[in-house]
Amino acid sequence: MPPGITTLAADAPELSAANTGFMLICSALVMLMTPGLAFFYGGMVRVKSTLNMLMMSFISLGIVTILWVLYGFSLAFGSDVGSVIGWSSDYVGFSNIGVTELWDGYTIPVYVFAAFQLMFAILTPALISGALADRVKFSAWALFIVLWVTIVYFPVAHWVWGAGGWLFELGVIDFAGGTAVHINAGAAALGVILVIGKRIGFKKDPMRPHSLPLVMLGAALLWFGWFG
């Protein structure tokens, strides 16, 4: 049996409908933060970059979800390998996870735990996209997401949240993704802007936000989603 899984045996925790429902609501709230980012960033850029900026956040929903199911959840929450990465073949494609199996130590299904963690995996690369406004092609960004979440996010998530991860073993408390999400995304954003450089016309041409209502809508969704 892969790590983190508890079956509904007599001596195992029982499935809690209340806790499961609560976690599903939290997952939905965190998911709202990704379109919130899209609206926030989309309103801050010039008109010509609006669609690209919006889609740079929204595409994360599709790409990261596929990668998470295929191998991301296994890398982040599978059996520890050297305190650096996780791996469990049972998690690959969610092939050997039953709907009655609970996450170890909790009263919620593995699928619900995985869905909640997926929302953070989706949000993190979307956070980085704001640093690349007006400066990257959509196809290049899609490739960046695939590479970055595989090489950086999944391992860091294991360090912080996965049993056996080196930060996890040090007792690090990651409140609301402060390390795996925010520090991680901030460091990546700083790295890419140092490589790509300033926008053409920066401090020469006017670059005012084209839609403040869109910015406020995005900020409201982010605020509301934070309660997840």
C-alpha atoms as a PDB file:
ATOM      1  CA  MET A   1       0.000   0.000   0.000  1.00  0.00           C
ATOM      2  CA  PRO A   2       1.459   3.420  -0.899  1.00  0.00           C
ATOM      3  CA  PRO A   3       2.306   5.917   1.859  1.00  0.00           C
ATOM      4  CA  GLY A   4      -0.444   8.195   3.025  1.00  0.00           C
ATOM      5  CA  ILE A   5      -3.267   5.725   2.356  1.00  0.00           C
ATOM      6  CA  THR A   6      -5.527   4.203   4.969  1.00  0.00           C
ATOM      7  CA  THR A   7      -8.268   1.741   4.086  1.00  0.00           C
ATOM      8  CA  LEU A   8     -11.634   1.694   5.778  1.00  0.00           C
ATOM      9  CA  ALA A   9     -10.690  -1.147   8.092  1.00  0.00           C
ATOM     10  CA  ALA A  10     -12.077  -1.643  11.572  1.00  0.00           C
ATOM     11  CA  ASP A  11      -9.082   0.008  13.264  1.00  0.00           C
ATOM     12  CA  ALA A  12      -8.768   2.825  10.721  1.00  0.00           C
ATOM     13  CA  PRO A  13     -10.272   6.328  10.924  1.00  0.00           C
ATOM     14  CA  GLU A  14     -13.757   6.555   9.494  1.00  0.00           C
ATOM     15  CA  LEU A  15     -14.652   8.722   6.544  1.00  0.00           C
ATOM     16  CA  SER A  16     -16.109  12.029   7.687  1.00  0.00           C
ATOM     17  CA  ALA A  17     -18.676  13.546   5.354  1.00  0.00           C
ATOM     18  CA  ALA A  18     -18.360  16.892   7.138  1.00  0.00           C
ATOM     19  CA  ASN A  19     -14.569  17.047   6.799  1.00  0.00           C
ATOM     20  CA  THR A  20     -14.743  15.868   3.198  1.00  0.00           C
ATOM     21  CA  GLY A  21     -17.309  18.507   2.321  1.00  0.00           C
ATOM     22  CA  PHE A  22     -15.288  21.184   4.097  1.00  0.00           C
ATOM     23  CA  MET A  23     -12.130  20.269   2.166  1.00  0.00           C
ATOM     24  CA  LEU A  24     -14.016  20.281  -1.134  1.00  0.00           C
ATOM     25  CA  ILE A  25     -15.263  23.787  -0.351  1.00  0.00           C
ATOM     26  CA  CYS A  26     -11.722  24.860   0.532  1.00  0.00           C
ATOM     27  CA  SER A  27     -10.460  23.385  -2.748  1.00  0.00           C
ATOM     28  CA  ALA A  28     -13.058  25.361  -4.693  1.00  0.00           C
ATOM     29  CA  LEU A  29     -12.110  28.560  -2.868  1.00  0.00           C
ATOM     30  CA  VAL A  30      -8.398  28.123  -3.597  1.00  0.00           C
ATOM     31  CA  MET A  31      -9.243  27.376  -7.223  1.00  0.00           C
ATOM     32  CA  LEU A  32     -10.966  30.793  -7.409  1.00  0.00           C
ATOM     33  CA  MET A  33      -7.607  32.429  -6.789  1.00  0.00           C
ATOM     34  CA  THR A  34      -6.287  31.405 -10.210  1.00  0.00           C
ATOM     35  CA  PRO A  35      -8.967  33.236 -12.246  1.00  0.00           C
ATOM     36  CA  GLY A  36      -8.611  36.001  -9.661  1.00  0.00           C
ATOM     37  CA  LEU A  37      -4.947  36.313 -10.598  1.00  0.00           C
ATOM     38  CA  ALA A  38      -5.876  36.262 -14.278  1.00  0.00           C
ATOM     39  CA  PHE A  39      -8.269  39.190 -13.836  1.00  0.00           C
ATOM     40  CA  PHE A  40      -5.853  41.084 -11.585  1.00  0.00           C
ATOM     41  CA  TYR A  41      -2.902  40.735 -13.942  1.00  0.00           C
ATOM     42  CA  GLY A  42      -5.096  41.166 -17.025  1.00  0.00           C
ATOM     43  CA  GLY A  43      -6.380  44.494 -15.780  1.00  0.00           C
ATOM     44  CA  MET A  44      -2.900  45.751 -14.926  1.00  0.00           C
ATOM     45  CA  VAL A  45      -1.411  45.362 -18.412  1.00  0.00           C
ATOM     46  CA  ARG A  46      -2.015  47.312 -21.600  1.00  0.00           C
ATOM     47  CA  VAL A  47      -4.943  46.400 -23.847  1.00  0.00           C
ATOM     48  CA  LYS A  48      -2.796  44.578 -26.397  1.00  0.00           C
ATOM     49  CA  SER A  49      -1.528  42.129 -23.756  1.00  0.00           C
ATOM     50  CA  THR A  50      -4.814  41.439 -21.976  1.00  0.00           C
ATOM     51  CA  LEU A  51      -5.757  38.151 -23.642  1.00  0.00           C
ATOM     52  CA  ASN A  52      -2.246  36.727 -23.349  1.00  0.00           C
ATOM     53  CA  MET A  53      -2.053  37.738 -19.688  1.00  0.00           C
ATOM     54  CA  LEU A  54      -5.427  36.182 -18.896  1.00  0.00           C
ATOM     55  CA  MET A  55      -4.587  32.914 -20.614  1.00  0.00           C
ATOM     56  CA  MET A  56      -1.177  32.660 -18.952  1.00  0.00           C
ATOM     57  CA  SER A  57      -3.015  32.100 -15.681  1.00  0.00           C
ATOM     58  CA  PHE A  58      -5.918  30.042 -17.001  1.00  0.00           C
ATOM     59  CA  ILE A  59      -3.688  27.596 -18.909  1.00  0.00           C
ATOM     60  CA  SER A  60      -2.153  26.563 -15.600  1.00  0.00           C
ATOM     61  CA  LEU A  61      -5.480  24.958 -14.673  1.00  0.00           C
ATOM     62  CA  GLY A  62      -5.231  22.564 -17.595  1.00  0.00           C
ATOM     63  CA  ILE A  63      -1.515  21.827 -17.776  1.00  0.00           C
ATOM     64  CA  VAL A  64      -0.824  21.365 -14.076  1.00  0.00           C
ATOM     65  CA  THR A  65      -3.925  19.221 -13.540  1.00  0.00           C
ATOM     66  CA  ILE A  66      -2.749  16.761 -16.197  1.00  0.00           C
ATOM     67  CA  LEU A  67       0.795  16.656 -14.813  1.00  0.00           C
ATOM     68  CA  TRP A  68      -0.483  16.291 -11.241  1.00  0.00           C
ATOM     69  CA  VAL A  69      -2.539  13.236 -12.112  1.00  0.00           C
ATOM     70  CA  LEU A  70       0.174  11.682 -14.275  1.00  0.00           C
ATOM     71  CA  TYR A  71       3.128  12.033 -11.896  1.00  0.00           C
ATOM     72  CA  GLY A  72       3.029  15.253  -9.869  1.00  0.00           C
ATOM     73  CA  PHE A  73       1.152  13.891  -6.866  1.00  0.00           C
ATOM     74  CA  SER A  74       3.538  10.951  -6.772  1.00  0.00           C
ATOM     75  CA  LEU A  75       6.604  13.233  -6.809  1.00  0.00           C
ATOM     76  CA  ALA A  76       5.194  15.463  -4.085  1.00  0.00           C
ATOM     77  CA  PHE A  77       3.550  12.938  -1.758  1.00  0.00           C
ATOM     78  CA  GLY A  78       4.937   9.530  -2.687  1.00  0.00           C
ATOM     79  CA  SER A  79       7.455   7.488  -0.689  1.00  0.00           C
ATOM     80  CA  ASP A  80      10.420   9.641   0.275  1.00  0.00           C
ATOM     81  CA  VAL A  81      13.614   9.268  -1.757  1.00  0.00           C
ATOM     82  CA  GLY A  82      16.613  10.847  -0.067  1.00  0.00           C
ATOM     83  CA  SER A  83      14.528  13.570   1.596  1.00  0.00           C
ATOM     84  CA  VAL A  84      14.455  15.335  -1.777  1.00  0.00           C
ATOM     85  CA  ILE A  85      11.659  13.818  -3.825  1.00  0.00           C
ATOM     86  CA  GLY A  86       8.829  11.369  -3.497  1.00  0.00           C
ATOM     87  CA  TRP A  87       7.708   8.517  -5.696  1.00  0.00           C
ATOM     88  CA  SER A  88       4.981   5.898  -5.623  1.00  0.00           C
ATOM     89  CA  SER A  89       3.849   3.967  -8.680  1.00  0.00           C
ATOM     90  CA  ASP A  90       0.399   3.625  -7.113  1.00  0.00           C
ATOM     91  CA  TYR A  91      -0.069   7.375  -7.429  1.00  0.00           C
ATOM     92  CA  VAL A  92       0.947   7.522 -11.095  1.00  0.00           C
ATOM     93  CA  GLY A  93      -2.218   8.279 -12.995  1.00  0.00           C
ATOM     94  CA  PHE A  94      -4.079   7.619  -9.728  1.00  0.00           C
ATOM     95  CA  SER A  95      -4.136   4.045 -11.005  1.00  0.00           C
ATOM     96  CA  ASN A  96      -4.269   2.225  -7.661  1.00  0.00           C
ATOM     97  CA  ILE A  97      -6.209   4.620  -5.458  1.00  0.00           C
ATOM     98  CA  GLY A  98      -9.714   3.570  -4.513  1.00  0.00           C
ATOM     99  CA  VAL A  99     -12.512   5.933  -3.588  1.00  0.00           C
ATOM    100  CA  THR A 100     -12.749   4.325  -0.132  1.00  0.00           C
ATOM    101  CA  GLU A 101      -9.106   4.950   0.741  1.00  0.00           C
ATOM    102  CA  LEU A 102      -8.376   7.719   3.231  1.00  0.00           C
ATOM    103  CA  TRP A 103      -5.329   9.923   3.512  1.00  0.00           C
ATOM    104  CA  ASP A 104      -3.207   8.699   6.411  1.00  0.00           C
ATOM    105  CA  GLY A 105      -4.130  10.363   9.680  1.00  0.00           C
ATOM    106  CA  TYR A 106      -7.135  12.147   8.212  1.00  0.00           C
ATOM    107  CA  THR A 107     -10.794  11.369   7.669  1.00  0.00           C
ATOM    108  CA  ILE A 108     -10.940  12.501   4.048  1.00  0.00           C
ATOM    109  CA  PRO A 109     -10.396  10.466   0.851  1.00  0.00           C
ATOM    110  CA  VAL A 110      -7.027  10.524  -0.879  1.00  0.00           C
ATOM    111  CA  TYR A 111      -8.713  12.041  -3.931  1.00  0.00           C
ATOM    112  CA  VAL A 112      -9.948  15.008  -1.889  1.00  0.00           C
ATOM    113  CA  PHE A 113      -6.517  15.580  -0.336  1.00  0.00           C
ATOM    114  CA  ALA A 114      -4.945  15.387  -3.796  1.00  0.00           C
ATOM    115  CA  ALA A 115      -7.496  17.830  -5.218  1.00  0.00           C
ATOM    116  CA  PHE A 116      -6.818  20.357  -2.454  1.00  0.00           C
ATOM    117  CA  GLN A 117      -3.062  20.161  -2.982  1.00  0.00           C
ATOM    118  CA  LEU A 118      -3.584  20.411  -6.743  1.00  0.00           C
ATOM    119  CA  MET A 119      -5.114  23.867  -6.333  1.00  0.00           C
ATOM    120  CA  PHE A 120      -1.853  25.155  -4.841  1.00  0.00           C
ATOM    121  CA  ALA A 121       0.151  23.510  -7.615  1.00  0.00           C
ATOM    122  CA  ILE A 122      -2.028  25.326 -10.172  1.00  0.00           C
ATOM    123  CA  LEU A 123      -1.805  28.687  -8.427  1.00  0.00           C
ATOM    124  CA  THR A 124       1.976  28.801  -8.024  1.00  0.00           C
ATOM    125  CA  PRO A 125       3.037  29.084 -11.703  1.00  0.00           C
ATOM    126  CA  ALA A 126       0.121  31.470 -12.272  1.00  0.00           C
ATOM    127  CA  LEU A 127       1.697  33.776  -9.685  1.00  0.00           C
ATOM    128  CA  ILE A 128       4.906  33.867 -11.706  1.00  0.00           C
ATOM    129  CA  SER A 129       3.127  34.965 -14.889  1.00  0.00           C
ATOM    130  CA  GLY A 130       2.748  38.549 -13.670  1.00  0.00           C
ATOM    131  CA  ALA A 131       6.519  39.010 -13.848  1.00  0.00           C
ATOM    132  CA  LEU A 132       6.462  38.226 -17.572  1.00  0.00           C
ATOM    133  CA  ALA A 133       3.809  40.711 -18.712  1.00  0.00           C
ATOM    134  CA  ASP A 134       4.326  41.846 -22.328  1.00  0.00           C
ATOM    135  CA  ARG A 135       7.476  39.759 -22.684  1.00  0.00           C
ATOM    136  CA  VAL A 136       6.735  36.108 -23.428  1.00  0.00           C
ATOM    137  CA  LYS A 137       4.901  34.103 -26.056  1.00  0.00           C
ATOM    138  CA  PHE A 138       2.045  31.921 -24.900  1.00  0.00           C
ATOM    139  CA  SER A 139       3.650  28.749 -26.288  1.00  0.00           C
ATOM    140  CA  ALA A 140       6.900  29.478 -24.446  1.00  0.00           C
ATOM    141  CA  TRP A 141       4.967  30.060 -21.239  1.00  0.00           C
ATOM    142  CA  ALA A 142       3.127  26.743 -21.568  1.00  0.00           C
ATOM    143  CA  LEU A 143       6.461  24.940 -21.935  1.00  0.00           C
ATOM    144  CA  PHE A 144       7.844  26.844 -18.947  1.00  0.00           C
ATOM    145  CA  ILE A 145       4.947  25.640 -16.779  1.00  0.00           C
ATOM    146  CA  VAL A 146       5.606  22.001 -17.676  1.00  0.00           C
ATOM    147  CA  LEU A 147       9.317  22.260 -16.906  1.00  0.00           C
ATOM    148  CA  TRP A 148       9.058  24.440 -13.815  1.00  0.00           C
ATOM    149  CA  VAL A 149       6.408  22.491 -11.926  1.00  0.00           C
ATOM    150  CA  THR A 150       8.221  19.232 -12.720  1.00  0.00           C
ATOM    151  CA  ILE A 151      11.728  20.373 -11.800  1.00  0.00           C
ATOM    152  CA  VAL A 152      10.935  22.890  -9.066  1.00  0.00           C
ATOM    153  CA  TYR A 153       7.423  22.869  -7.614  1.00  0.00           C
ATOM    154  CA  PHE A 154       6.829  19.141  -7.156  1.00  0.00           C
ATOM    155  CA  PRO A 155      10.169  18.576  -5.363  1.00  0.00           C
ATOM    156  CA  VAL A 156       9.748  21.681  -3.176  1.00  0.00           C
ATOM    157  CA  ALA A 157       6.219  20.587  -2.246  1.00  0.00           C
ATOM    158  CA  HIS A 158       7.712  17.281  -1.109  1.00  0.00           C
ATOM    159  CA  TRP A 159      10.394  19.068   0.927  1.00  0.00           C
ATOM    160  CA  VAL A 160       7.765  21.046   2.811  1.00  0.00           C
ATOM    161  CA  TRP A 161       4.623  18.876   2.908  1.00  0.00           C
ATOM    162  CA  GLY A 162       5.723  15.343   2.040  1.00  0.00           C
ATOM    163  CA  ALA A 163       6.555  12.879   4.816  1.00  0.00           C
ATOM    164  CA  GLY A 164      10.343  12.507   4.821  1.00  0.00           C
ATOM    165  CA  GLY A 165      11.043  15.789   3.027  1.00  0.00           C
ATOM    166  CA  TRP A 166      14.046  17.548   4.542  1.00  0.00           C
ATOM    167  CA  LEU A 167      12.135  20.689   5.524  1.00  0.00           C
ATOM    168  CA  PHE A 168       9.225  18.582   6.775  1.00  0.00           C
ATOM    169  CA  GLU A 169      11.615  16.641   9.014  1.00  0.00           C
ATOM    170  CA  LEU A 170      13.019  19.908  10.390  1.00  0.00           C
ATOM    171  CA  GLY A 171       9.535  20.776  11.580  1.00  0.00           C
ATOM    172  CA  VAL A 172       8.911  23.623   9.161  1.00  0.00           C
ATOM    173  CA  ILE A 173       5.364  24.983   9.416  1.00  0.00           C
ATOM    174  CA  ASP A 174       4.197  26.235   6.039  1.00  0.00           C
ATOM    175  CA  PHE A 175       1.158  28.420   6.679  1.00  0.00           C
ATOM    176  CA  ALA A 176      -1.060  28.689   3.587  1.00  0.00           C
ATOM    177  CA  GLY A 177       1.795  27.852   1.240  1.00  0.00           C
ATOM    178  CA  GLY A 178       4.155  30.575   2.427  1.00  0.00           C
ATOM    179  CA  THR A 179       7.200  28.507   1.431  1.00  0.00           C
ATOM    180  CA  ALA A 180       6.109  26.059  -1.265  1.00  0.00           C
ATOM    181  CA  VAL A 181       3.908  28.607  -3.041  1.00  0.00           C
ATOM    182  CA  HIS A 182       4.846  32.210  -2.293  1.00  0.00           C
ATOM    183  CA  ILE A 183       8.603  32.084  -1.659  1.00  0.00           C
ATOM    184  CA  ASN A 184       8.927  29.543  -4.446  1.00  0.00           C
ATOM    185  CA  ALA A 185       6.984  31.646  -6.960  1.00  0.00           C
ATOM    186  CA  GLY A 186       8.680  34.869  -5.871  1.00  0.00           C
ATOM    187  CA  ALA A 187      12.160  33.418  -6.330  1.00  0.00           C
ATOM    188  CA  ALA A 188      11.206  32.047  -9.753  1.00  0.00           C
ATOM    189  CA  ALA A 189       9.707  35.385 -10.812  1.00  0.00           C
ATOM    190  CA  LEU A 190      12.862  37.213  -9.760  1.00  0.00           C
ATOM    191  CA  GLY A 191      14.973  34.737 -11.694  1.00  0.00           C
ATOM    192  CA  VAL A 192      13.018  35.044 -14.938  1.00  0.00           C
ATOM    193  CA  ILE A 193      12.916  38.849 -14.920  1.00  0.00           C
ATOM    194  CA  LEU A 194      16.677  38.974 -14.348  1.00  0.00           C
ATOM    195  CA  VAL A 195      17.103  36.770 -17.414  1.00  0.00           C
ATOM    196  CA  ILE A 196      14.478  38.369 -19.680  1.00  0.00           C
ATOM    197  CA  GLY A 197      14.937  41.959 -18.593  1.00  0.00           C
ATOM    198  CA  LYS A 198      12.663  44.994 -18.706  1.00  0.00           C
ATOM    199  CA  ARG A 199       9.726  45.510 -21.025  1.00  0.00           C
ATOM    200  CA  ILE A 200      10.490  47.365 -24.247  1.00  0.00           C
ATOM    201  CA  GLY A 201       9.704  51.017 -23.660  1.00  0.00           C
ATOM    202  CA  PHE A 202       9.805  50.734 -19.872  1.00  0.00           C
ATOM    203  CA  LYS A 203       9.959  54.251 -18.335  1.00  0.00           C
ATOM    204  CA  LYS A 204       9.627  55.709 -21.838  1.00  0.00           C
ATOM    205  CA  ASP A 205       6.152  54.728 -22.998  1.00  0.00           C
ATOM    206  CA  PRO A 206       3.011  54.984 -20.806  1.00  0.00           C
ATOM    207  CA  MET A 207       2.113  51.583 -19.335  1.00  0.00           C
ATOM    208  CA  ARG A 208      -0.982  52.408 -17.327  1.00  0.00           C
ATOM    209  CA  PRO A 209      -3.416  49.647 -16.279  1.00  0.00           C
ATOM    210  CA  HIS A 210      -6.158  49.442 -18.882  1.00  0.00           C
ATOM    211  CA  SER A 211      -8.972  48.219 -16.591  1.00  0.00           C
ATOM    212  CA  LEU A 212      -9.061  49.044 -12.893  1.00  0.00           C
ATOM    213  CA  PRO A 213     -12.468  47.347 -12.436  1.00  0.00           C
ATOM    214  CA  LEU A 214     -10.879  44.109 -13.684  1.00  0.00           C
ATOM    215  CA  VAL A 215      -8.055  44.598 -11.192  1.00  0.00           C
ATOM    216  CA  MET A 216     -10.526  45.078  -8.346  1.00  0.00           C
ATOM    217  CA  LEU A 217     -12.527  42.013  -9.413  1.00  0.00           C
ATOM    218  CA  GLY A 218      -9.350  39.952  -9.381  1.00  0.00           C
ATOM    219  CA  ALA A 219      -8.348  41.317  -5.983  1.00  0.00           C
ATOM    220  CA  ALA A 220     -11.786  40.434  -4.592  1.00  0.00           C
ATOM    221  CA  LEU A 221     -11.558  36.858  -5.885  1.00  0.00           C
ATOM    222  CA  LEU A 222      -8.066  36.506  -4.415  1.00  0.00           C
ATOM    223  CA  TRP A 223      -9.273  37.817  -1.072  1.00  0.00           C
ATOM    224  CA  PHE A 224     -12.278  35.507  -1.047  1.00  0.00           C
ATOM    225  CA  GLY A 225     -10.267  32.520  -2.256  1.00  0.00           C
ATOM    226  CA  TRP A 226      -7.718  33.052   0.516  1.00  0.00           C
ATOM    227  CA  PHE A 227     -10.277  31.746   3.008  1.00  0.00           C
ATOM    228  CA  GLY A 228      -9.794  28.316   1.413  1.00  0.00           C
END
